[in-house]
Amino acid sequence: MAAFDLPAVLAVQSQCYGDALLESSEALASRLTLSPETCWIAALPDGSLAAYLFTHAWPEDALPPLDGVLARGWADDTALTWFVHDMAVAPGGRGTGIAQRLYAASRDAALAAGLRSSRLIAVQSASAWWRRLGYAPIVAGKHAEKLADYGDDAVLMGCRL
């Protein structure tokens, strides 16, 4: 993914999410800046965007804010996890296996960077899909308030890579 892809990403985002989960171009750009090697896109044969994936390292004991601008602000000895922030597949890309391929490519980059655990927040009933990739629900605990920003059905999930 590159910065010039963000308008197409925003278009796919608006096709896949309700207004409460839409994030700004600035918020998504900050995720891309934080970890360009783990943010990916896939195109359809006609060149239109089929899907996107934003992931990045993040402190294990925190959750990034929804629609917040992120920056690396942690100490070098902070325990990090691979945070899978957002994956969306445009209607024209559904059923093609592209989500699994984007995830695998980004996971490989995260592993190469030394990350060995992952977290995500499943929204819009996606937790069953993430379970198939080895994720399991995590008790939100101190993260409950931030998790609530992601919607009533949001599920904090994690796995070992």
N, C-alpha and C. Protein backbone atom coordinates (compact mmCIF):
# COMPACT_ATOMS: atom_id res chain seq x y z
N MET A 1 0.84 -1.17 0.00
CA MET A 1 0.00 0.00 0.00
C MET A 1 0.88 1.24 0.00
N ALA A 2 0.41 2.27 -0.67
CA ALA A 2 1.09 3.56 -0.68
C ALA A 2 0.07 4.65 -0.40
N ALA A 3 0.56 5.82 -0.05
CA ALA A 3 -0.33 6.93 0.31
C ALA A 3 -1.33 7.25 -0.81
N PHE A 4 -0.92 7.11 -2.06
CA PHE A 4 -1.84 7.43 -3.16
C PHE A 4 -3.00 6.43 -3.27
N ASP A 5 -2.92 5.30 -2.54
CA ASP A 5 -4.01 4.32 -2.53
C ASP A 5 -5.14 4.71 -1.57
N LEU A 6 -4.90 5.67 -0.69
CA LEU A 6 -5.88 5.97 0.36
C LEU A 6 -7.26 6.39 -0.15
N PRO A 7 -7.40 7.18 -1.22
CA PRO A 7 -8.76 7.46 -1.71
C PRO A 7 -9.54 6.20 -2.07
N ALA A 8 -8.89 5.25 -2.73
CA ALA A 8 -9.56 3.98 -3.07
C ALA A 8 -9.86 3.18 -1.82
N VAL A 9 -8.96 3.20 -0.84
CA VAL A 9 -9.19 2.53 0.44
C VAL A 9 -10.42 3.11 1.12
N LEU A 10 -10.52 4.43 1.15
CA LEU A 10 -11.68 5.07 1.78
C LEU A 10 -12.98 4.68 1.08
N ALA A 11 -12.94 4.53 -0.24
CA ALA A 11 -14.13 4.11 -0.98
C ALA A 11 -14.54 2.70 -0.59
N VAL A 12 -13.59 1.79 -0.48
CA VAL A 12 -13.91 0.42 -0.05
C VAL A 12 -14.41 0.43 1.38
N GLN A 13 -13.76 1.20 2.24
CA GLN A 13 -14.20 1.30 3.63
C GLN A 13 -15.68 1.70 3.71
N SER A 14 -16.08 2.68 2.90
CA SER A 14 -17.47 3.15 2.95
C SER A 14 -18.45 2.11 2.42
N GLN A 15 -17.97 1.17 1.59
CA GLN A 15 -18.83 0.09 1.09
C GLN A 15 -19.00 -1.02 2.13
N CYS A 16 -18.07 -1.10 3.06
CA CYS A 16 -18.03 -2.24 3.98
C CYS A 16 -18.48 -1.94 5.40
N TYR A 17 -18.44 -0.68 5.82
CA TYR A 17 -18.74 -0.34 7.21
C TYR A 17 -19.84 0.69 7.32
N GLY A 18 -20.53 0.64 8.46
CA GLY A 18 -21.48 1.68 8.79
C GLY A 18 -20.74 2.94 9.24
N ASP A 19 -21.45 4.03 9.33
CA ASP A 19 -20.84 5.32 9.67
C ASP A 19 -20.04 5.28 10.97
N ALA A 20 -20.47 4.50 11.94
CA ALA A 20 -19.81 4.48 13.25
C ALA A 20 -18.39 3.93 13.18
N LEU A 21 -18.07 3.15 12.15
CA LEU A 21 -16.75 2.54 12.05
C LEU A 21 -15.85 3.17 10.99
N LEU A 22 -16.34 4.20 10.31
CA LEU A 22 -15.53 4.84 9.29
C LEU A 22 -14.40 5.64 9.94
N GLU A 23 -13.21 5.50 9.38
CA GLU A 23 -12.05 6.23 9.89
C GLU A 23 -11.58 7.23 8.84
N SER A 24 -10.96 8.28 9.32
CA SER A 24 -10.50 9.36 8.45
C SER A 24 -9.26 8.96 7.66
N SER A 25 -9.02 9.69 6.62
CA SER A 25 -7.81 9.50 5.83
C SER A 25 -6.57 9.71 6.70
N GLU A 26 -6.62 10.67 7.60
CA GLU A 26 -5.48 10.95 8.48
C GLU A 26 -5.19 9.77 9.41
N ALA A 27 -6.23 9.18 9.96
CA ALA A 27 -6.05 8.04 10.86
C ALA A 27 -5.45 6.86 10.10
N LEU A 28 -5.98 6.56 8.92
CA LEU A 28 -5.46 5.44 8.15
C LEU A 28 -4.05 5.72 7.64
N ALA A 29 -3.78 6.95 7.23
CA ALA A 29 -2.43 7.31 6.79
C ALA A 29 -1.42 7.11 7.90
N SER A 30 -1.82 7.39 9.14
CA SER A 30 -0.88 7.22 10.25
C SER A 30 -0.54 5.75 10.46
N ARG A 31 -1.47 4.86 10.21
CA ARG A 31 -1.20 3.43 10.33
C ARG A 31 -0.24 2.98 9.23
N LEU A 32 -0.45 3.49 8.04
CA LEU A 32 0.44 3.19 6.93
C LEU A 32 1.85 3.71 7.20
N THR A 33 1.95 4.91 7.74
CA THR A 33 3.25 5.49 8.08
C THR A 33 3.94 4.69 9.18
N LEU A 34 3.16 4.21 10.15
CA LEU A 34 3.70 3.44 11.27
C LEU A 34 4.31 2.11 10.80
N SER A 35 3.68 1.49 9.79
CA SER A 35 4.15 0.16 9.37
C SER A 35 3.84 -0.10 7.89
N PRO A 36 4.53 0.57 6.98
CA PRO A 36 4.22 0.37 5.56
C PRO A 36 4.45 -1.06 5.07
N GLU A 37 5.35 -1.80 5.74
CA GLU A 37 5.63 -3.17 5.30
C GLU A 37 4.53 -4.17 5.67
N THR A 38 3.58 -3.77 6.53
CA THR A 38 2.50 -4.68 6.90
C THR A 38 1.11 -4.16 6.52
N CYS A 39 1.07 -3.15 5.66
CA CYS A 39 -0.21 -2.64 5.15
C CYS A 39 -0.27 -2.96 3.66
N TRP A 40 -1.34 -3.63 3.25
CA TRP A 40 -1.41 -4.18 1.91
C TRP A 40 -2.73 -3.85 1.21
N ILE A 41 -2.69 -3.87 -0.11
CA ILE A 41 -3.90 -3.77 -0.92
C ILE A 41 -3.88 -4.88 -1.96
N ALA A 42 -5.04 -5.16 -2.54
CA ALA A 42 -5.15 -6.10 -3.65
C ALA A 42 -6.11 -5.50 -4.66
N ALA A 43 -5.77 -5.65 -5.93
CA ALA A 43 -6.60 -5.10 -7.00
C ALA A 43 -7.34 -6.20 -7.75
N LEU A 44 -8.46 -5.81 -8.31
CA LEU A 44 -9.21 -6.69 -9.21
C LEU A 44 -8.58 -6.61 -10.61
N PRO A 45 -8.90 -7.53 -11.51
CA PRO A 45 -8.32 -7.49 -12.86
C PRO A 45 -8.54 -6.15 -13.58
N ASP A 46 -9.63 -5.45 -13.26
CA ASP A 46 -9.88 -4.16 -13.92
C ASP A 46 -9.09 -3.01 -13.28
N GLY A 47 -8.29 -3.31 -12.26
CA GLY A 47 -7.47 -2.29 -11.60
C GLY A 47 -8.11 -1.65 -10.39
N SER A 48 -9.40 -1.91 -10.17
CA SER A 48 -10.06 -1.33 -9.00
C SER A 48 -9.62 -2.08 -7.74
N LEU A 49 -9.78 -1.43 -6.60
CA LEU A 49 -9.34 -2.02 -5.34
C LEU A 49 -10.28 -3.14 -4.90
N ALA A 50 -9.72 -4.33 -4.67
CA ALA A 50 -10.50 -5.48 -4.20
C ALA A 50 -10.55 -5.53 -2.69
N ALA A 51 -9.44 -5.14 -2.02
CA ALA A 51 -9.37 -5.26 -0.57
C ALA A 51 -8.17 -4.48 -0.05
N TYR A 52 -8.22 -4.21 1.26
CA TYR A 52 -7.07 -3.59 1.92
C TYR A 52 -6.91 -4.19 3.31
N LEU A 53 -5.71 -4.01 3.85
CA LEU A 53 -5.38 -4.49 5.19
C LEU A 53 -4.40 -3.53 5.84
N PHE A 54 -4.77 -3.02 7.02
CA PHE A 54 -3.89 -2.18 7.83
C PHE A 54 -3.49 -2.97 9.07
N THR A 55 -2.18 -3.16 9.28
CA THR A 55 -1.68 -3.79 10.49
C THR A 55 -0.43 -3.04 10.93
N HIS A 56 -0.07 -3.20 12.20
CA HIS A 56 1.12 -2.52 12.72
C HIS A 56 1.48 -3.10 14.08
N ALA A 57 2.71 -2.88 14.48
CA ALA A 57 3.12 -3.24 15.84
C ALA A 57 2.44 -2.28 16.81
N TRP A 58 2.13 -2.79 18.00
CA TRP A 58 1.49 -1.94 19.02
C TRP A 58 1.81 -2.54 20.39
N PRO A 59 1.92 -1.70 21.42
CA PRO A 59 2.19 -2.23 22.76
C PRO A 59 1.14 -3.26 23.17
N GLU A 60 1.62 -4.40 23.71
CA GLU A 60 0.72 -5.49 24.10
C GLU A 60 -0.32 -5.07 25.13
N ASP A 61 0.01 -4.12 25.98
CA ASP A 61 -0.90 -3.75 27.06
C ASP A 61 -1.83 -2.58 26.70
N ALA A 62 -1.99 -2.28 25.41
CA ALA A 62 -2.83 -1.16 24.99
C ALA A 62 -3.61 -1.52 23.74
N LEU A 63 -4.64 -0.74 23.47
CA LEU A 63 -5.39 -0.84 22.22
C LEU A 63 -5.32 0.51 21.52
N PRO A 64 -5.10 0.51 20.21
CA PRO A 64 -5.11 1.79 19.50
C PRO A 64 -6.54 2.32 19.42
N PRO A 65 -6.69 3.63 19.40
CA PRO A 65 -8.05 4.20 19.32
C PRO A 65 -8.63 4.08 17.92
N LEU A 66 -9.93 3.89 17.85
CA LEU A 66 -10.63 3.93 16.58
C LEU A 66 -10.54 5.36 16.05
N ASP A 67 -10.19 5.51 14.81
CA ASP A 67 -10.09 6.80 14.13
C ASP A 67 -9.11 7.76 14.79
N GLY A 68 -8.13 7.24 15.48
CA GLY A 68 -7.10 8.09 16.07
C GLY A 68 -5.85 8.08 15.22
N VAL A 69 -5.13 9.19 15.23
CA VAL A 69 -3.86 9.28 14.53
C VAL A 69 -2.80 8.64 15.43
N LEU A 70 -2.09 7.66 14.89
CA LEU A 70 -1.10 6.89 15.66
C LEU A 70 0.31 7.36 15.35
N ALA A 71 1.18 7.19 16.32
CA ALA A 71 2.60 7.44 16.15
C ALA A 71 3.35 6.51 17.09
N ARG A 72 4.59 6.20 16.74
CA ARG A 72 5.41 5.35 17.60
C ARG A 72 5.83 6.18 18.81
N GLY A 73 5.29 5.84 19.97
CA GLY A 73 5.59 6.58 21.17
C GLY A 73 5.99 5.70 22.33
N TRP A 74 6.43 4.50 22.06
CA TRP A 74 6.76 3.56 23.13
C TRP A 74 8.28 3.40 23.24
N ALA A 75 8.70 2.95 24.40
CA ALA A 75 10.12 2.71 24.66
C ALA A 75 10.60 1.48 23.89
N ASP A 76 11.89 1.41 23.63
CA ASP A 76 12.46 0.30 22.86
C ASP A 76 12.25 -1.06 23.52
N ASP A 77 12.12 -1.10 24.84
CA ASP A 77 11.94 -2.38 25.53
C ASP A 77 10.47 -2.75 25.75
N THR A 78 9.55 -2.03 25.14
CA THR A 78 8.12 -2.31 25.27
C THR A 78 7.77 -3.61 24.55
N ALA A 79 7.00 -4.47 25.21
CA ALA A 79 6.51 -5.71 24.57
C ALA A 79 5.47 -5.32 23.52
N LEU A 80 5.69 -5.77 22.29
CA LEU A 80 4.81 -5.42 21.18
C LEU A 80 4.04 -6.63 20.66
N THR A 81 2.90 -6.35 20.09
CA THR A 81 2.10 -7.35 19.41
C THR A 81 1.82 -6.85 18.00
N TRP A 82 1.48 -7.76 17.11
CA TRP A 82 1.07 -7.38 15.76
C TRP A 82 -0.42 -7.09 15.83
N PHE A 83 -0.80 -5.82 15.66
CA PHE A 83 -2.20 -5.44 15.74
C PHE A 83 -2.79 -5.40 14.34
N VAL A 84 -3.77 -6.24 14.10
CA VAL A 84 -4.49 -6.27 12.83
C VAL A 84 -5.63 -5.27 12.97
N HIS A 85 -5.43 -4.10 12.40
CA HIS A 85 -6.38 -3.01 12.64
C HIS A 85 -7.63 -3.07 11.78
N ASP A 86 -7.47 -3.28 10.49
CA ASP A 86 -8.64 -3.20 9.62
C ASP A 86 -8.38 -3.95 8.33
N MET A 87 -9.31 -4.84 8.00
CA MET A 87 -9.29 -5.50 6.70
C MET A 87 -10.70 -5.41 6.14
N ALA A 88 -10.79 -4.97 4.90
CA ALA A 88 -12.08 -4.88 4.23
C ALA A 88 -11.94 -5.38 2.80
N VAL A 89 -12.96 -6.09 2.35
CA VAL A 89 -12.99 -6.62 0.99
C VAL A 89 -14.19 -6.01 0.27
N ALA A 90 -13.92 -5.35 -0.84
CA ALA A 90 -14.99 -4.75 -1.64
C ALA A 90 -15.92 -5.84 -2.15
N PRO A 91 -17.17 -5.50 -2.44
CA PRO A 91 -18.10 -6.52 -2.95
C PRO A 91 -17.53 -7.31 -4.13
N GLY A 92 -16.82 -6.68 -5.04
CA GLY A 92 -16.27 -7.37 -6.20
C GLY A 92 -15.13 -8.33 -5.87
N GLY A 93 -14.56 -8.21 -4.68
CA GLY A 93 -13.45 -9.08 -4.29
C GLY A 93 -13.86 -10.22 -3.38
N ARG A 94 -15.11 -10.24 -2.95
CA ARG A 94 -15.56 -11.26 -2.01
C ARG A 94 -15.63 -12.63 -2.67
N GLY A 95 -15.28 -13.65 -1.88
CA GLY A 95 -15.33 -15.01 -2.37
C GLY A 95 -14.12 -15.42 -3.19
N THR A 96 -13.10 -14.58 -3.24
CA THR A 96 -11.92 -14.86 -4.06
C THR A 96 -10.74 -15.38 -3.25
N GLY A 97 -10.85 -15.37 -1.92
CA GLY A 97 -9.74 -15.77 -1.07
C GLY A 97 -8.71 -14.67 -0.84
N ILE A 98 -9.01 -13.48 -1.32
CA ILE A 98 -8.05 -12.38 -1.22
C ILE A 98 -7.78 -11.98 0.22
N ALA A 99 -8.77 -12.05 1.09
CA ALA A 99 -8.56 -11.66 2.50
C ALA A 99 -7.51 -12.56 3.14
N GLN A 100 -7.61 -13.85 2.92
CA GLN A 100 -6.64 -14.79 3.48
C GLN A 100 -5.24 -14.53 2.93
N ARG A 101 -5.13 -14.21 1.64
CA ARG A 101 -3.82 -13.95 1.05
C ARG A 101 -3.21 -12.65 1.57
N LEU A 102 -4.01 -11.61 1.73
CA LEU A 102 -3.51 -10.35 2.30
C LEU A 102 -3.02 -10.59 3.73
N TYR A 103 -3.82 -11.31 4.49
CA TYR A 103 -3.45 -11.60 5.87
C TYR A 103 -2.12 -12.36 5.93
N ALA A 104 -1.97 -13.38 5.11
CA ALA A 104 -0.75 -14.20 5.13
C ALA A 104 0.48 -13.36 4.76
N ALA A 105 0.36 -12.50 3.77
CA ALA A 105 1.49 -11.66 3.37
C ALA A 105 1.89 -10.72 4.50
N SER A 106 0.92 -10.11 5.13
CA SER A 106 1.22 -9.18 6.22
C SER A 106 1.75 -9.92 7.44
N ARG A 107 1.19 -11.09 7.74
CA ARG A 107 1.68 -11.90 8.86
C ARG A 107 3.15 -12.28 8.64
N ASP A 108 3.50 -12.64 7.42
CA ASP A 108 4.89 -12.99 7.14
C ASP A 108 5.81 -11.80 7.40
N ALA A 109 5.38 -10.60 7.03
CA ALA A 109 6.18 -9.40 7.30
C ALA A 109 6.28 -9.14 8.79
N ALA A 110 5.20 -9.36 9.53
CA ALA A 110 5.22 -9.17 10.99
C ALA A 110 6.17 -10.17 11.65
N LEU A 111 6.14 -11.41 11.20
CA LEU A 111 7.05 -12.43 11.73
C LEU A 111 8.50 -12.06 11.43
N ALA A 112 8.75 -11.57 10.22
CA ALA A 112 10.11 -11.17 9.85
C ALA A 112 10.60 -10.01 10.71
N ALA A 113 9.66 -9.20 11.20
CA ALA A 113 10.01 -8.08 12.08
C ALA A 113 10.16 -8.51 13.54
N GLY A 114 9.95 -9.81 13.81
CA GLY A 114 10.15 -10.33 15.15
C GLY A 114 8.92 -10.37 16.03
N LEU A 115 7.76 -10.05 15.50
CA LEU A 115 6.53 -10.10 16.30
C LEU A 115 6.03 -11.54 16.40
N ARG A 116 5.59 -11.95 17.58
CA ARG A 116 5.21 -13.34 17.80
C ARG A 116 3.79 -13.52 18.35
N SER A 117 3.10 -12.42 18.56
CA SER A 117 1.70 -12.49 19.00
C SER A 117 0.90 -11.49 18.19
N SER A 118 -0.41 -11.66 18.21
CA SER A 118 -1.28 -10.76 17.45
C SER A 118 -2.55 -10.48 18.23
N ARG A 119 -3.08 -9.31 18.02
CA ARG A 119 -4.38 -8.91 18.56
C ARG A 119 -5.16 -8.20 17.48
N LEU A 120 -6.46 -8.21 17.65
CA LEU A 120 -7.36 -7.50 16.76
C LEU A 120 -8.68 -7.29 17.46
N ILE A 121 -9.49 -6.44 16.88
CA ILE A 121 -10.86 -6.24 17.35
C ILE A 121 -11.77 -6.63 16.20
N ALA A 122 -12.48 -7.74 16.37
CA ALA A 122 -13.41 -8.21 15.35
C ALA A 122 -14.70 -7.41 15.45
N VAL A 123 -15.17 -6.91 14.33
CA VAL A 123 -16.42 -6.13 14.28
C VAL A 123 -17.35 -6.75 13.25
N GLN A 124 -18.60 -6.34 13.32
CA GLN A 124 -19.61 -6.77 12.35
C GLN A 124 -19.67 -8.29 12.20
N SER A 125 -19.65 -8.98 13.33
CA SER A 125 -19.79 -10.44 13.37
C SER A 125 -18.66 -11.18 12.67
N ALA A 126 -17.47 -10.59 12.60
CA ALA A 126 -16.34 -11.23 11.91
C ALA A 126 -15.55 -12.18 12.80
N SER A 127 -15.92 -12.32 14.06
CA SER A 127 -15.11 -13.14 14.97
C SER A 127 -15.01 -14.60 14.50
N ALA A 128 -16.03 -15.14 13.89
CA ALA A 128 -15.97 -16.52 13.41
C ALA A 128 -14.89 -16.68 12.32
N TRP A 129 -14.76 -15.69 11.45
CA TRP A 129 -13.74 -15.73 10.40
C TRP A 129 -12.35 -15.72 11.04
N TRP A 130 -12.16 -14.85 12.02
CA TRP A 130 -10.86 -14.76 12.69
C TRP A 130 -10.53 -16.01 13.49
N ARG A 131 -11.55 -16.67 14.04
CA ARG A 131 -11.32 -17.93 14.77
C ARG A 131 -10.69 -18.97 13.84
N ARG A 132 -11.10 -18.99 12.59
CA ARG A 132 -10.54 -19.94 11.63
C ARG A 132 -9.05 -19.70 11.39
N LEU A 133 -8.58 -18.51 11.69
CA LEU A 133 -7.16 -18.19 11.55
C LEU A 133 -6.41 -18.35 12.87
N GLY A 134 -7.07 -18.89 13.88
CA GLY A 134 -6.41 -19.18 15.15
C GLY A 134 -6.62 -18.16 16.25
N TYR A 135 -7.41 -17.14 16.02
CA TYR A 135 -7.67 -16.13 17.05
C TYR A 135 -8.75 -16.62 18.01
N ALA A 136 -8.63 -16.20 19.26
CA ALA A 136 -9.61 -16.54 20.29
C ALA A 136 -9.95 -15.26 21.06
N PRO A 137 -11.18 -15.18 21.58
CA PRO A 137 -11.56 -14.00 22.36
C PRO A 137 -10.67 -13.81 23.59
N ILE A 138 -10.43 -12.56 23.91
CA ILE A 138 -9.67 -12.16 25.10
C ILE A 138 -10.60 -11.31 25.95
N VAL A 139 -10.57 -11.50 27.25
CA VAL A 139 -11.37 -10.65 28.15
C VAL A 139 -10.87 -9.21 28.01
N ALA A 140 -11.78 -8.29 27.77
CA ALA A 140 -11.40 -6.90 27.52
C ALA A 140 -10.79 -6.23 28.74
N GLY A 141 -11.28 -6.56 29.94
CA GLY A 141 -10.74 -5.99 31.17
C GLY A 141 -10.58 -4.49 31.09
N LYS A 142 -9.35 -4.01 31.28
CA LYS A 142 -9.09 -2.57 31.31
C LYS A 142 -9.33 -1.90 29.95
N HIS A 143 -9.51 -2.70 28.91
CA HIS A 143 -9.73 -2.16 27.56
C HIS A 143 -11.22 -2.03 27.21
N ALA A 144 -12.10 -2.33 28.13
CA ALA A 144 -13.54 -2.38 27.83
C ALA A 144 -14.07 -1.07 27.27
N GLU A 145 -13.65 0.05 27.83
CA GLU A 145 -14.16 1.34 27.37
C GLU A 145 -13.72 1.63 25.94
N LYS A 146 -12.45 1.39 25.64
CA LYS A 146 -11.95 1.63 24.28
C LYS A 146 -12.58 0.63 23.31
N LEU A 147 -12.77 -0.61 23.73
CA LEU A 147 -13.39 -1.62 22.89
C LEU A 147 -14.82 -1.21 22.52
N ALA A 148 -15.52 -0.59 23.45
CA ALA A 148 -16.90 -0.15 23.20
C ALA A 148 -16.99 0.82 22.04
N ASP A 149 -15.93 1.58 21.78
CA ASP A 149 -15.93 2.52 20.65
C ASP A 149 -16.07 1.80 19.31
N TYR A 150 -15.72 0.52 19.27
CA TYR A 150 -15.77 -0.26 18.04
C TYR A 150 -17.14 -0.89 17.79
N GLY A 151 -18.11 -0.66 18.68
CA GLY A 151 -19.45 -1.18 18.49
C GLY A 151 -19.83 -2.24 19.50
N ASP A 152 -21.13 -2.47 19.63
CA ASP A 152 -21.66 -3.40 20.61
C ASP A 152 -21.20 -4.84 20.38
N ASP A 153 -20.96 -5.21 19.13
CA ASP A 153 -20.57 -6.58 18.85
C ASP A 153 -19.07 -6.78 18.74
N ALA A 154 -18.28 -5.76 19.10
CA ALA A 154 -16.81 -5.85 18.99
C ALA A 154 -16.26 -6.90 19.95
N VAL A 155 -15.31 -7.68 19.45
CA VAL A 155 -14.70 -8.74 20.25
C VAL A 155 -13.18 -8.57 20.17
N LEU A 156 -12.53 -8.42 21.32
CA LEU A 156 -11.08 -8.39 21.38
C LEU A 156 -10.60 -9.83 21.24
N MET A 157 -9.65 -10.05 20.32
CA MET A 157 -9.17 -11.40 20.04
C MET A 157 -7.63 -11.39 19.96
N GLY A 158 -7.05 -12.55 20.18
CA GLY A 158 -5.59 -12.66 20.09
C GLY A 158 -5.15 -14.06 19.73
N CYS A 159 -3.88 -14.18 19.33
CA CYS A 159 -3.30 -15.48 19.03
C CYS A 159 -1.78 -15.36 19.05
N ARG A 160 -1.13 -16.51 19.11
CA ARG A 160 0.32 -16.60 18.93
C ARG A 160 0.57 -16.78 17.43
N LEU A 161 1.61 -16.16 16.93
CA LEU A 161 1.92 -16.30 15.50
C LEU A 161 2.82 -17.49 15.27
